[in-house]
Amino acid sequence: HGVGAAALRRGRCEGCHLSLNTVDLARIRAAPPDEVLRCEECRRILVR
């Protein structure tokens, strides 16, 4: 992709510029801080 990781800002992946749905956001909220999270659309690593 040219970029391997993307910031998660206001519920939106900065890699593909798509907003995450509420289910994905809830999963991310519940995930431990050291877990590697990925965007379901572009598969980039999400940085909280």
All heavy atoms as atom14 arrays in JSON, in Angstrom:
{
  "sequence": "HGVGAAALRRGRCEGCHLSLNTVDLARIRAAPPDEVLRCEECRRILVR",
  "atom14_mask": [
    [1, 1, 1, 1, 1, 1, 1, 1, 1, 1, 0, 0, 0, 0],
    [1, 1, 1, 1, 0, 0, 0, 0, 0, 0, 0, 0, 0, 0],
    [1, 1, 1, 1, 1, 1, 1, 0, 0, 0, 0, 0, 0, 0],
    [1, 1, 1, 1, 0, 0, 0, 0, 0, 0, 0, 0, 0, 0],
    [1, 1, 1, 1, 1, 0, 0, 0, 0, 0, 0, 0, 0, 0],
    [1, 1, 1, 1, 1, 0, 0, 0, 0, 0, 0, 0, 0, 0],
    [1, 1, 1, 1, 1, 0, 0, 0, 0, 0, 0, 0, 0, 0],
    [1, 1, 1, 1, 1, 1, 1, 1, 0, 0, 0, 0, 0, 0],
    [1, 1, 1, 1, 1, 1, 1, 1, 1, 1, 1, 0, 0, 0],
    [1, 1, 1, 1, 1, 1, 1, 1, 1, 1, 1, 0, 0, 0],
    [1, 1, 1, 1, 0, 0, 0, 0, 0, 0, 0, 0, 0, 0],
    [1, 1, 1, 1, 1, 1, 1, 1, 1, 1, 1, 0, 0, 0],
    [1, 1, 1, 1, 1, 1, 0, 0, 0, 0, 0, 0, 0, 0],
    [1, 1, 1, 1, 1, 1, 1, 1, 1, 0, 0, 0, 0, 0],
    [1, 1, 1, 1, 0, 0, 0, 0, 0, 0, 0, 0, 0, 0],
    [1, 1, 1, 1, 1, 1, 0, 0, 0, 0, 0, 0, 0, 0],
    [1, 1, 1, 1, 1, 1, 1, 1, 1, 1, 0, 0, 0, 0],
    [1, 1, 1, 1, 1, 1, 1, 1, 0, 0, 0, 0, 0, 0],
    [1, 1, 1, 1, 1, 1, 0, 0, 0, 0, 0, 0, 0, 0],
    [1, 1, 1, 1, 1, 1, 1, 1, 0, 0, 0, 0, 0, 0],
    [1, 1, 1, 1, 1, 1, 1, 1, 0, 0, 0, 0, 0, 0],
    [1, 1, 1, 1, 1, 1, 1, 0, 0, 0, 0, 0, 0, 0],
    [1, 1, 1, 1, 1, 1, 1, 0, 0, 0, 0, 0, 0, 0],
    [1, 1, 1, 1, 1, 1, 1, 1, 0, 0, 0, 0, 0, 0],
    [1, 1, 1, 1, 1, 1, 1, 1, 0, 0, 0, 0, 0, 0],
    [1, 1, 1, 1, 1, 0, 0, 0, 0, 0, 0, 0, 0, 0],
    [1, 1, 1, 1, 1, 1, 1, 1, 1, 1, 1, 0, 0, 0],
    [1, 1, 1, 1, 1, 1, 1, 1, 0, 0, 0, 0, 0, 0],
    [1, 1, 1, 1, 1, 1, 1, 1, 1, 1, 1, 0, 0, 0],
    [1, 1, 1, 1, 1, 0, 0, 0, 0, 0, 0, 0, 0, 0],
    [1, 1, 1, 1, 1, 0, 0, 0, 0, 0, 0, 0, 0, 0],
    [1, 1, 1, 1, 1, 1, 1, 0, 0, 0, 0, 0, 0, 0],
    [1, 1, 1, 1, 1, 1, 1, 0, 0, 0, 0, 0, 0, 0],
    [1, 1, 1, 1, 1, 1, 1, 1, 0, 0, 0, 0, 0, 0],
    [1, 1, 1, 1, 1, 1, 1, 1, 1, 0, 0, 0, 0, 0],
    [1, 1, 1, 1, 1, 1, 1, 0, 0, 0, 0, 0, 0, 0],
    [1, 1, 1, 1, 1, 1, 1, 1, 0, 0, 0, 0, 0, 0],
    [1, 1, 1, 1, 1, 1, 1, 1, 1, 1, 1, 0, 0, 0],
    [1, 1, 1, 1, 1, 1, 0, 0, 0, 0, 0, 0, 0, 0],
    [1, 1, 1, 1, 1, 1, 1, 1, 1, 0, 0, 0, 0, 0],
    [1, 1, 1, 1, 1, 1, 1, 1, 1, 0, 0, 0, 0, 0],
    [1, 1, 1, 1, 1, 1, 0, 0, 0, 0, 0, 0, 0, 0],
    [1, 1, 1, 1, 1, 1, 1, 1, 1, 1, 1, 0, 0, 0],
    [1, 1, 1, 1, 1, 1, 1, 1, 1, 1, 1, 0, 0, 0],
    [1, 1, 1, 1, 1, 1, 1, 1, 0, 0, 0, 0, 0, 0],
    [1, 1, 1, 1, 1, 1, 1, 1, 0, 0, 0, 0, 0, 0],
    [1, 1, 1, 1, 1, 1, 1, 0, 0, 0, 0, 0, 0, 0],
    [1, 1, 1, 1, 1, 1, 1, 1, 1, 1, 1, 0, 0, 0]
  ],
  "atom14_positions": [
    [[0.79, -1.23, 0.0], [0.0, 0.0, 0.0], [0.83, 1.28, 0.0], [0.27, 2.37, -0.13], [-0.92, 0.05, 1.22], [-1.86, -1.11, 1.32], [-2.92, -1.29, 0.47], [-1.89, -2.17, 2.17], [-3.58, -2.39, 0.8], [-2.95, -2.95, 1.82], [0.0, 0.0, 0.0], [0.0, 0.0, 0.0], [0.0, 0.0, 0.0], [0.0, 0.0, 0.0]],
    [[2.12, 1.17, 0.21], [2.94, 2.37, 0.33], [3.02, 2.86, 1.76], [3.98, 3.49, 2.16], [0.0, 0.0, 0.0], [0.0, 0.0, 0.0], [0.0, 0.0, 0.0], [0.0, 0.0, 0.0], [0.0, 0.0, 0.0], [0.0, 0.0, 0.0], [0.0, 0.0, 0.0], [0.0, 0.0, 0.0], [0.0, 0.0, 0.0], [0.0, 0.0, 0.0]],
    [[2.0, 2.57, 2.54], [1.95, 2.91, 3.97], [1.44, 1.66, 4.69], [0.39, 1.13, 4.34], [1.01, 4.1, 4.23], [0.9, 4.38, 5.71], [1.49, 5.33, 3.49], [0.0, 0.0, 0.0], [0.0, 0.0, 0.0], [0.0, 0.0, 0.0], [0.0, 0.0, 0.0], [0.0, 0.0, 0.0], [0.0, 0.0, 0.0], [0.0, 0.0, 0.0]],
    [[2.18, 1.22, 5.71], [1.79, -0.02, 6.4], [0.88, 0.2, 7.58], [0.15, -0.71, 7.98], [0.0, 0.0, 0.0], [0.0, 0.0, 0.0], [0.0, 0.0, 0.0], [0.0, 0.0, 0.0], [0.0, 0.0, 0.0], [0.0, 0.0, 0.0], [0.0, 0.0, 0.0], [0.0, 0.0, 0.0], [0.0, 0.0, 0.0], [0.0, 0.0, 0.0]],
    [[0.9, 1.4, 8.14], [0.07, 1.68, 9.32], [-0.63, 3.01, 9.11], [-0.14, 3.89, 8.41], [0.94, 1.74, 10.58], [0.0, 0.0, 0.0], [0.0, 0.0, 0.0], [0.0, 0.0, 0.0], [0.0, 0.0, 0.0], [0.0, 0.0, 0.0], [0.0, 0.0, 0.0], [0.0, 0.0, 0.0], [0.0, 0.0, 0.0], [0.0, 0.0, 0.0]],
    [[-1.8, 3.13, 9.73], [-2.57, 4.36, 9.59], [-3.17, 4.72, 10.94], [-3.52, 3.85, 11.74], [-3.69, 4.18, 8.56], [0.0, 0.0, 0.0], [0.0, 0.0, 0.0], [0.0, 0.0, 0.0], [0.0, 0.0, 0.0], [0.0, 0.0, 0.0], [0.0, 0.0, 0.0], [0.0, 0.0, 0.0], [0.0, 0.0, 0.0], [0.0, 0.0, 0.0]],
    [[-3.28, 6.0, 11.18], [-3.85, 6.48, 12.43], [-5.37, 6.3, 12.41], [-6.01, 6.39, 11.36], [-3.49, 7.95, 12.64], [0.0, 0.0, 0.0], [0.0, 0.0, 0.0], [0.0, 0.0, 0.0], [0.0, 0.0, 0.0], [0.0, 0.0, 0.0], [0.0, 0.0, 0.0], [0.0, 0.0, 0.0], [0.0, 0.0, 0.0], [0.0, 0.0, 0.0]],
    [[-5.91, 6.04, 13.59], [-7.36, 5.99, 13.76], [-7.76, 7.32, 14.38], [-7.4, 7.62, 15.52], [-7.74, 4.82, 14.67], [-9.23, 4.68, 15.0], [-10.03, 4.41, 13.72], [-9.44, 3.56, 15.99], [0.0, 0.0, 0.0], [0.0, 0.0, 0.0], [0.0, 0.0, 0.0], [0.0, 0.0, 0.0], [0.0, 0.0, 0.0], [0.0, 0.0, 0.0]],
    [[-8.47, 8.15, 13.62], [-8.87, 9.47, 14.09], [-10.37, 9.63, 13.96], [-10.93, 9.45, 12.88], [-8.2, 10.57, 13.27], [-6.74, 10.71, 13.58], [-6.21, 12.08, 13.18], [-4.82, 12.18, 13.55], [-3.8, 11.97, 12.72], [-4.02, 11.69, 11.47], [-2.57, 12.06, 13.16], [0.0, 0.0, 0.0], [0.0, 0.0, 0.0], [0.0, 0.0, 0.0]],
    [[-11.01, 9.96, 15.07], [-12.46, 10.19, 15.12], [-13.22, 9.05, 14.46], [-14.14, 9.28, 13.67], [-12.81, 11.52, 14.48], [-12.26, 12.7, 15.24], [-12.7, 14.02, 14.59], [-11.71, 15.02, 14.86], [-10.73, 15.36, 14.03], [-10.64, 14.81, 12.84], [-9.85, 16.27, 14.36], [0.0, 0.0, 0.0], [0.0, 0.0, 0.0], [0.0, 0.0, 0.0]],
    [[-12.79, 7.81, 14.73], [-13.48, 6.64, 14.22], [-13.25, 6.39, 12.73], [-14.01, 5.65, 12.11], [0.0, 0.0, 0.0], [0.0, 0.0, 0.0], [0.0, 0.0, 0.0], [0.0, 0.0, 0.0], [0.0, 0.0, 0.0], [0.0, 0.0, 0.0], [0.0, 0.0, 0.0], [0.0, 0.0, 0.0], [0.0, 0.0, 0.0], [0.0, 0.0, 0.0]],
    [[-12.2, 6.97, 12.19], [-11.94, 6.86, 10.75], [-10.5, 6.42, 10.52], [-9.57, 6.94, 11.13], [-12.18, 8.23, 10.12], [-11.92, 8.3, 8.68], [-12.21, 9.7, 8.2], [-11.68, 9.87, 6.86], [-11.92, 10.89, 6.11], [-12.69, 11.85, 6.55], [-11.42, 10.97, 4.92], [0.0, 0.0, 0.0], [0.0, 0.0, 0.0], [0.0, 0.0, 0.0]],
    [[-10.31, 5.46, 9.6], [-8.97, 4.99, 9.23], [-8.35, 6.03, 8.29], [-8.94, 6.36, 7.26], [-9.05, 3.63, 8.54], [-7.48, 3.1, 7.82], [0.0, 0.0, 0.0], [0.0, 0.0, 0.0], [0.0, 0.0, 0.0], [0.0, 0.0, 0.0], [0.0, 0.0, 0.0], [0.0, 0.0, 0.0], [0.0, 0.0, 0.0], [0.0, 0.0, 0.0]],
    [[-7.17, 6.53, 8.64], [-6.5, 7.53, 7.81], [-5.81, 6.9, 6.6], [-5.33, 7.61, 5.72], [-5.49, 8.33, 8.64], [-6.13, 9.24, 9.67], [-6.98, 10.34, 9.06], [-6.54, 10.97, 8.08], [-8.1, 10.56, 9.56], [0.0, 0.0, 0.0], [0.0, 0.0, 0.0], [0.0, 0.0, 0.0], [0.0, 0.0, 0.0], [0.0, 0.0, 0.0]],
    [[-5.79, 5.57, 6.54], [-5.2, 4.89, 5.39], [-6.16, 4.85, 4.21], [-5.82, 5.23, 3.1], [0.0, 0.0, 0.0], [0.0, 0.0, 0.0], [0.0, 0.0, 0.0], [0.0, 0.0, 0.0], [0.0, 0.0, 0.0], [0.0, 0.0, 0.0], [0.0, 0.0, 0.0], [0.0, 0.0, 0.0], [0.0, 0.0, 0.0], [0.0, 0.0, 0.0]],
    [[-7.37, 4.38, 4.45], [-8.36, 4.28, 3.37], [-9.41, 5.39, 3.45], [-10.25, 5.51, 2.57], [-9.04, 2.91, 3.41], [-9.95, 2.56, 4.93], [0.0, 0.0, 0.0], [0.0, 0.0, 0.0], [0.0, 0.0, 0.0], [0.0, 0.0, 0.0], [0.0, 0.0, 0.0], [0.0, 0.0, 0.0], [0.0, 0.0, 0.0], [0.0, 0.0, 0.0]],
    [[-9.37, 6.19, 4.52], [-10.27, 7.34, 4.73], [-11.74, 6.91, 4.85], [-12.63, 7.67, 4.47], [-10.1, 8.39, 3.63], [-8.69, 8.88, 3.52], [-8.13, 9.71, 4.45], [-7.72, 8.64, 2.6], [-6.88, 9.97, 4.12], [-6.61, 9.33, 2.99], [0.0, 0.0, 0.0], [0.0, 0.0, 0.0], [0.0, 0.0, 0.0], [0.0, 0.0, 0.0]],
    [[-11.96, 5.72, 5.35], [-13.32, 5.25, 5.57], [-13.6, 5.22, 7.07], [-12.72, 4.89, 7.87], [-13.52, 3.85, 4.98], [-13.41, 3.74, 3.46], [-13.53, 2.28, 3.03], [-14.49, 4.58, 2.78], [0.0, 0.0, 0.0], [0.0, 0.0, 0.0], [0.0, 0.0, 0.0], [0.0, 0.0, 0.0], [0.0, 0.0, 0.0], [0.0, 0.0, 0.0]],
    [[-14.84, 5.53, 7.44], [-15.25, 5.47, 8.84], [-15.53, 4.02, 9.21], [-16.13, 3.27, 8.43], [-16.5, 6.31, 9.08], [-16.21, 7.67, 8.83], [0.0, 0.0, 0.0], [0.0, 0.0, 0.0], [0.0, 0.0, 0.0], [0.0, 0.0, 0.0], [0.0, 0.0, 0.0], [0.0, 0.0, 0.0], [0.0, 0.0, 0.0], [0.0, 0.0, 0.0]],
    [[-15.08, 3.65, 10.4], [-15.31, 2.29, 10.87], [-16.73, 2.2, 11.42], [-17.26, 3.17, 11.98], [-14.3, 1.92, 11.96], [-12.93, 1.44, 11.46], [-12.19, 2.5, 10.71], [-12.12, 0.9, 12.59], [0.0, 0.0, 0.0], [0.0, 0.0, 0.0], [0.0, 0.0, 0.0], [0.0, 0.0, 0.0], [0.0, 0.0, 0.0], [0.0, 0.0, 0.0]],
    [[-17.34, 1.02, 11.29], [-18.7, 0.87, 11.79], [-18.65, 0.72, 13.31], [-17.6, 0.51, 13.92], [-19.42, -0.31, 11.11], [-18.73, -1.62, 11.37], [-18.27, -1.9, 12.47], [-18.67, -2.46, 10.34], [0.0, 0.0, 0.0], [0.0, 0.0, 0.0], [0.0, 0.0, 0.0], [0.0, 0.0, 0.0], [0.0, 0.0, 0.0], [0.0, 0.0, 0.0]],
    [[-19.78, 0.82, 13.93], [-19.85, 0.8, 15.4], [-19.39, -0.53, 15.99], [-18.82, -0.55, 17.07], [-21.29, 1.12, 15.87], [-22.19, 0.23, 15.23], [-21.67, 2.54, 15.55], [0.0, 0.0, 0.0], [0.0, 0.0, 0.0], [0.0, 0.0, 0.0], [0.0, 0.0, 0.0], [0.0, 0.0, 0.0], [0.0, 0.0, 0.0], [0.0, 0.0, 0.0]],
    [[-19.6, -1.61, 15.28], [-19.16, -2.92, 15.78], [-17.63, -2.96, 15.83], [-17.04, -3.39, 16.84], [-19.71, -4.06, 14.88], [-19.14, -5.41, 15.29], [-21.23, -4.08, 14.92], [0.0, 0.0, 0.0], [0.0, 0.0, 0.0], [0.0, 0.0, 0.0], [0.0, 0.0, 0.0], [0.0, 0.0, 0.0], [0.0, 0.0, 0.0], [0.0, 0.0, 0.0]],
    [[-16.98, -2.49, 14.78], [-15.51, -2.47, 14.75], [-14.97, -1.52, 15.81], [-13.97, -1.82, 16.48], [-15.0, -2.06, 13.37], [-15.22, -3.13, 12.32], [-15.31, -4.32, 12.69], [-15.29, -2.77, 11.13], [0.0, 0.0, 0.0], [0.0, 0.0, 0.0], [0.0, 0.0, 0.0], [0.0, 0.0, 0.0], [0.0, 0.0, 0.0], [0.0, 0.0, 0.0]],
    [[-15.6, -0.37, 15.97], [-15.16, 0.58, 17.0], [-15.31, -0.02, 18.39], [-14.44, 0.16, 19.25], [-15.93, 1.9, 16.89], [-15.55, 2.79, 15.71], [-16.48, 4.0, 15.63], [-14.11, 3.26, 15.83], [0.0, 0.0, 0.0], [0.0, 0.0, 0.0], [0.0, 0.0, 0.0], [0.0, 0.0, 0.0], [0.0, 0.0, 0.0], [0.0, 0.0, 0.0]],
    [[-16.38, -0.75, 18.64], [-16.58, -1.4, 19.94], [-15.51, -2.46, 20.16], [-14.96, -2.59, 21.26], [-17.98, -2.01, 20.01], [0.0, 0.0, 0.0], [0.0, 0.0, 0.0], [0.0, 0.0, 0.0], [0.0, 0.0, 0.0], [0.0, 0.0, 0.0], [0.0, 0.0, 0.0], [0.0, 0.0, 0.0], [0.0, 0.0, 0.0], [0.0, 0.0, 0.0]],
    [[-15.18, -3.22, 19.14], [-14.13, -4.24, 19.24], [-12.79, -3.58, 19.56], [-12.02, -4.07, 20.39], [-14.04, -5.02, 17.92], [-12.98, -6.11, 17.92], [-12.92, -6.84, 16.58], [-12.75, -5.98, 15.42], [-11.57, -5.5, 15.0], [-10.47, -5.79, 15.66], [-11.52, -4.74, 13.93], [0.0, 0.0, 0.0], [0.0, 0.0, 0.0], [0.0, 0.0, 0.0]],
    [[-12.51, -2.46, 18.92], [-11.25, -1.74, 19.15], [-11.21, -1.2, 20.58], [-10.17, -1.27, 21.25], [-11.07, -0.63, 18.11], [-10.85, -1.25, 16.73], [-9.91, 0.29, 18.47], [-10.86, -0.27, 15.58], [0.0, 0.0, 0.0], [0.0, 0.0, 0.0], [0.0, 0.0, 0.0], [0.0, 0.0, 0.0], [0.0, 0.0, 0.0], [0.0, 0.0, 0.0]],
    [[-12.33, -0.67, 21.07], [-12.4, -0.16, 22.44], [-12.1, -1.27, 23.45], [-11.43, -1.04, 24.46], [-13.79, 0.41, 22.72], [-13.94, 1.85, 22.41], [-15.27, 2.4, 22.93], [-15.72, 3.43, 22.03], [-16.62, 3.29, 21.06], [-17.25, 2.16, 20.89], [-16.92, 4.29, 20.27], [0.0, 0.0, 0.0], [0.0, 0.0, 0.0], [0.0, 0.0, 0.0]],
    [[-12.6, -2.42, 23.15], [-12.46, -3.54, 24.09], [-11.09, -4.2, 24.0], [-10.7, -4.95, 24.92], [-13.55, -4.57, 23.82], [0.0, 0.0, 0.0], [0.0, 0.0, 0.0], [0.0, 0.0, 0.0], [0.0, 0.0, 0.0], [0.0, 0.0, 0.0], [0.0, 0.0, 0.0], [0.0, 0.0, 0.0], [0.0, 0.0, 0.0], [0.0, 0.0, 0.0]],
    [[-10.36, -3.95, 22.95], [-9.06, -4.6, 22.75], [-8.02, -4.05, 23.72], [-8.04, -2.87, 24.06], [-8.59, -4.39, 21.32], [0.0, 0.0, 0.0], [0.0, 0.0, 0.0], [0.0, 0.0, 0.0], [0.0, 0.0, 0.0], [0.0, 0.0, 0.0], [0.0, 0.0, 0.0], [0.0, 0.0, 0.0], [0.0, 0.0, 0.0], [0.0, 0.0, 0.0]],
    [[-7.11, -4.93, 24.19], [-6.05, -4.44, 25.08], [-5.12, -3.47, 24.33], [-5.0, -3.54, 23.1], [-5.29, -5.71, 25.47], [-5.83, -6.82, 24.66], [-7.05, -6.35, 23.96], [0.0, 0.0, 0.0], [0.0, 0.0, 0.0], [0.0, 0.0, 0.0], [0.0, 0.0, 0.0], [0.0, 0.0, 0.0], [0.0, 0.0, 0.0], [0.0, 0.0, 0.0]],
    [[-4.46, -2.57, 25.05], [-3.63, -1.55, 24.4], [-2.48, -2.11, 23.57], [-2.04, -1.47, 22.61], [-3.07, -0.72, 25.56], [-3.87, -1.09, 26.75], [-4.51, -2.41, 26.5], [0.0, 0.0, 0.0], [0.0, 0.0, 0.0], [0.0, 0.0, 0.0], [0.0, 0.0, 0.0], [0.0, 0.0, 0.0], [0.0, 0.0, 0.0], [0.0, 0.0, 0.0]],
    [[-2.0, -3.31, 23.86], [-0.85, -3.84, 23.12], [-1.26, -4.76, 21.97], [-0.4, -5.29, 21.28], [0.09, -4.57, 24.08], [-0.57, -5.75, 24.76], [-1.81, -5.83, 24.77], [0.17, -6.6, 25.29], [0.0, 0.0, 0.0], [0.0, 0.0, 0.0], [0.0, 0.0, 0.0], [0.0, 0.0, 0.0], [0.0, 0.0, 0.0], [0.0, 0.0, 0.0]],
    [[-2.57, -4.9, 21.73], [-3.03, -5.75, 20.64], [-2.88, -5.0, 19.31], [-3.16, -3.81, 19.2], [-4.5, -6.15, 20.83], [-5.01, -7.1, 19.76], [-6.45, -7.51, 20.0], [-6.93, -7.42, 21.13], [-7.11, -7.9, 19.02], [0.0, 0.0, 0.0], [0.0, 0.0, 0.0], [0.0, 0.0, 0.0], [0.0, 0.0, 0.0], [0.0, 0.0, 0.0]],
    [[-2.45, -5.74, 18.27], [-2.29, -5.16, 16.93], [-3.66, -5.21, 16.25], [-4.23, -6.27, 16.05], [-1.25, -5.94, 16.1], [-1.16, -5.38, 14.69], [0.11, -5.9, 16.79], [0.0, 0.0, 0.0], [0.0, 0.0, 0.0], [0.0, 0.0, 0.0], [0.0, 0.0, 0.0], [0.0, 0.0, 0.0], [0.0, 0.0, 0.0], [0.0, 0.0, 0.0]],
    [[-4.15, -4.03, 15.89], [-5.47, -3.92, 15.26], [-5.29, -3.55, 13.79], [-4.39, -2.81, 13.43], [-6.29, -2.84, 15.97], [-6.5, -3.07, 17.47], [-7.1, -1.83, 18.1], [-7.4, -4.26, 17.68], [0.0, 0.0, 0.0], [0.0, 0.0, 0.0], [0.0, 0.0, 0.0], [0.0, 0.0, 0.0], [0.0, 0.0, 0.0], [0.0, 0.0, 0.0]],
    [[-6.21, -4.08, 12.97], [-6.13, -3.8, 11.53], [-7.48, -3.32, 11.03], [-8.53, -3.72, 11.52], [-5.7, -5.05, 10.78], [-4.27, -5.43, 11.17], [-3.75, -6.61, 10.48], [-3.6, -6.4, 9.05], [-3.22, -7.35, 8.22], [-2.96, -8.57, 8.67], [-3.1, -7.11, 6.95], [0.0, 0.0, 0.0], [0.0, 0.0, 0.0], [0.0, 0.0, 0.0]],
    [[-7.41, -2.44, 10.02], [-8.62, -1.92, 9.39], [-9.24, -3.05, 8.57], [-8.54, -3.75, 7.84], [-8.29, -0.73, 8.5], [-9.67, -0.1, 7.54], [0.0, 0.0, 0.0], [0.0, 0.0, 0.0], [0.0, 0.0, 0.0], [0.0, 0.0, 0.0], [0.0, 0.0, 0.0], [0.0, 0.0, 0.0], [0.0, 0.0, 0.0], [0.0, 0.0, 0.0]],
    [[-10.55, -3.21, 8.69], [-11.23, -4.28, 7.94], [-11.29, -3.98, 6.44], [-11.39, -4.9, 5.64], [-12.66, -4.46, 8.48], [-12.72, -5.02, 9.89], [-12.14, -6.42, 10.0], [-12.32, -7.23, 9.05], [-11.47, -6.71, 11.01], [0.0, 0.0, 0.0], [0.0, 0.0, 0.0], [0.0, 0.0, 0.0], [0.0, 0.0, 0.0], [0.0, 0.0, 0.0]],
    [[-11.19, -2.71, 6.05], [-11.29, -2.34, 4.64], [-9.95, -2.43, 3.91], [-9.82, -3.08, 2.89], [-11.86, -0.92, 4.5], [-13.27, -0.77, 5.0], [-14.28, -1.62, 4.23], [-14.13, -1.77, 3.0], [-15.2, -2.15, 4.87], [0.0, 0.0, 0.0], [0.0, 0.0, 0.0], [0.0, 0.0, 0.0], [0.0, 0.0, 0.0], [0.0, 0.0, 0.0]],
    [[-8.91, -1.75, 4.43], [-7.63, -1.69, 3.73], [-6.57, -2.62, 4.32], [-5.5, -2.76, 3.75], [-7.11, -0.25, 3.71], [-6.66, 0.4, 5.32], [0.0, 0.0, 0.0], [0.0, 0.0, 0.0], [0.0, 0.0, 0.0], [0.0, 0.0, 0.0], [0.0, 0.0, 0.0], [0.0, 0.0, 0.0], [0.0, 0.0, 0.0], [0.0, 0.0, 0.0]],
    [[-6.86, -3.22, 5.46], [-5.99, -4.19, 6.14], [-4.71, -3.56, 6.7], [-3.81, -4.26, 7.12], [-5.63, -5.36, 5.22], [-6.81, -6.12, 4.64], [-7.73, -6.71, 5.68], [-7.05, -7.7, 6.51], [-7.42, -8.04, 7.73], [-8.48, -7.49, 8.27], [-6.75, -8.92, 8.42], [0.0, 0.0, 0.0], [0.0, 0.0, 0.0], [0.0, 0.0, 0.0]],
    [[-4.63, -2.24, 6.76], [-3.47, -1.59, 7.38], [-3.55, -1.74, 8.9], [-4.63, -1.92, 9.47], [-3.43, -0.11, 7.01], [-3.04, 0.14, 5.58], [-2.94, 1.65, 5.32], [-2.49, 1.94, 3.98], [-3.29, 2.25, 2.98], [-4.6, 2.31, 3.16], [-2.8, 2.52, 1.78], [0.0, 0.0, 0.0], [0.0, 0.0, 0.0], [0.0, 0.0, 0.0]],
    [[-2.4, -1.6, 9.53], [-2.34, -1.62, 10.99], [-2.92, -0.3, 11.49], [-2.53, 0.77, 11.02], [-0.89, -1.79, 11.47], [-0.32, -3.12, 10.97], [-0.82, -1.7, 12.99], [1.17, -3.26, 11.18], [0.0, 0.0, 0.0], [0.0, 0.0, 0.0], [0.0, 0.0, 0.0], [0.0, 0.0, 0.0], [0.0, 0.0, 0.0], [0.0, 0.0, 0.0]],
    [[-3.85, -0.38, 12.44], [-4.45, 0.83, 13.0], [-3.66, 1.26, 14.23], [-3.37, 0.46, 15.11], [-5.91, 0.59, 13.38], [-6.89, 0.48, 12.21], [-8.28, 0.13, 12.72], [-6.93, 1.78, 11.43], [0.0, 0.0, 0.0], [0.0, 0.0, 0.0], [0.0, 0.0, 0.0], [0.0, 0.0, 0.0], [0.0, 0.0, 0.0], [0.0, 0.0, 0.0]],
    [[-3.33, 2.54, 14.27], [-2.62, 3.11, 15.41], [-3.6, 3.98, 16.17], [-4.13, 4.95, 15.64], [-1.4, 3.96, 14.93], [-0.68, 4.57, 16.11], [-0.47, 3.11, 14.08], [0.0, 0.0, 0.0], [0.0, 0.0, 0.0], [0.0, 0.0, 0.0], [0.0, 0.0, 0.0], [0.0, 0.0, 0.0], [0.0, 0.0, 0.0], [0.0, 0.0, 0.0]],
    [[-3.84, 3.6, 17.42], [-4.76, 4.37, 18.25], [-4.06, 5.61, 18.79], [-2.92, 5.53, 19.24], [-5.27, 3.51, 19.41], [-6.16, 2.37, 18.92], [-6.57, 1.5, 20.06], [-5.57, 0.42, 20.18], [-5.73, -0.65, 20.91], [-6.82, -0.82, 21.62], [-4.79, -1.57, 20.96], [0.0, 0.0, 0.0], [0.0, 0.0, 0.0], [0.0, 0.0, 0.0]]
  ]
}
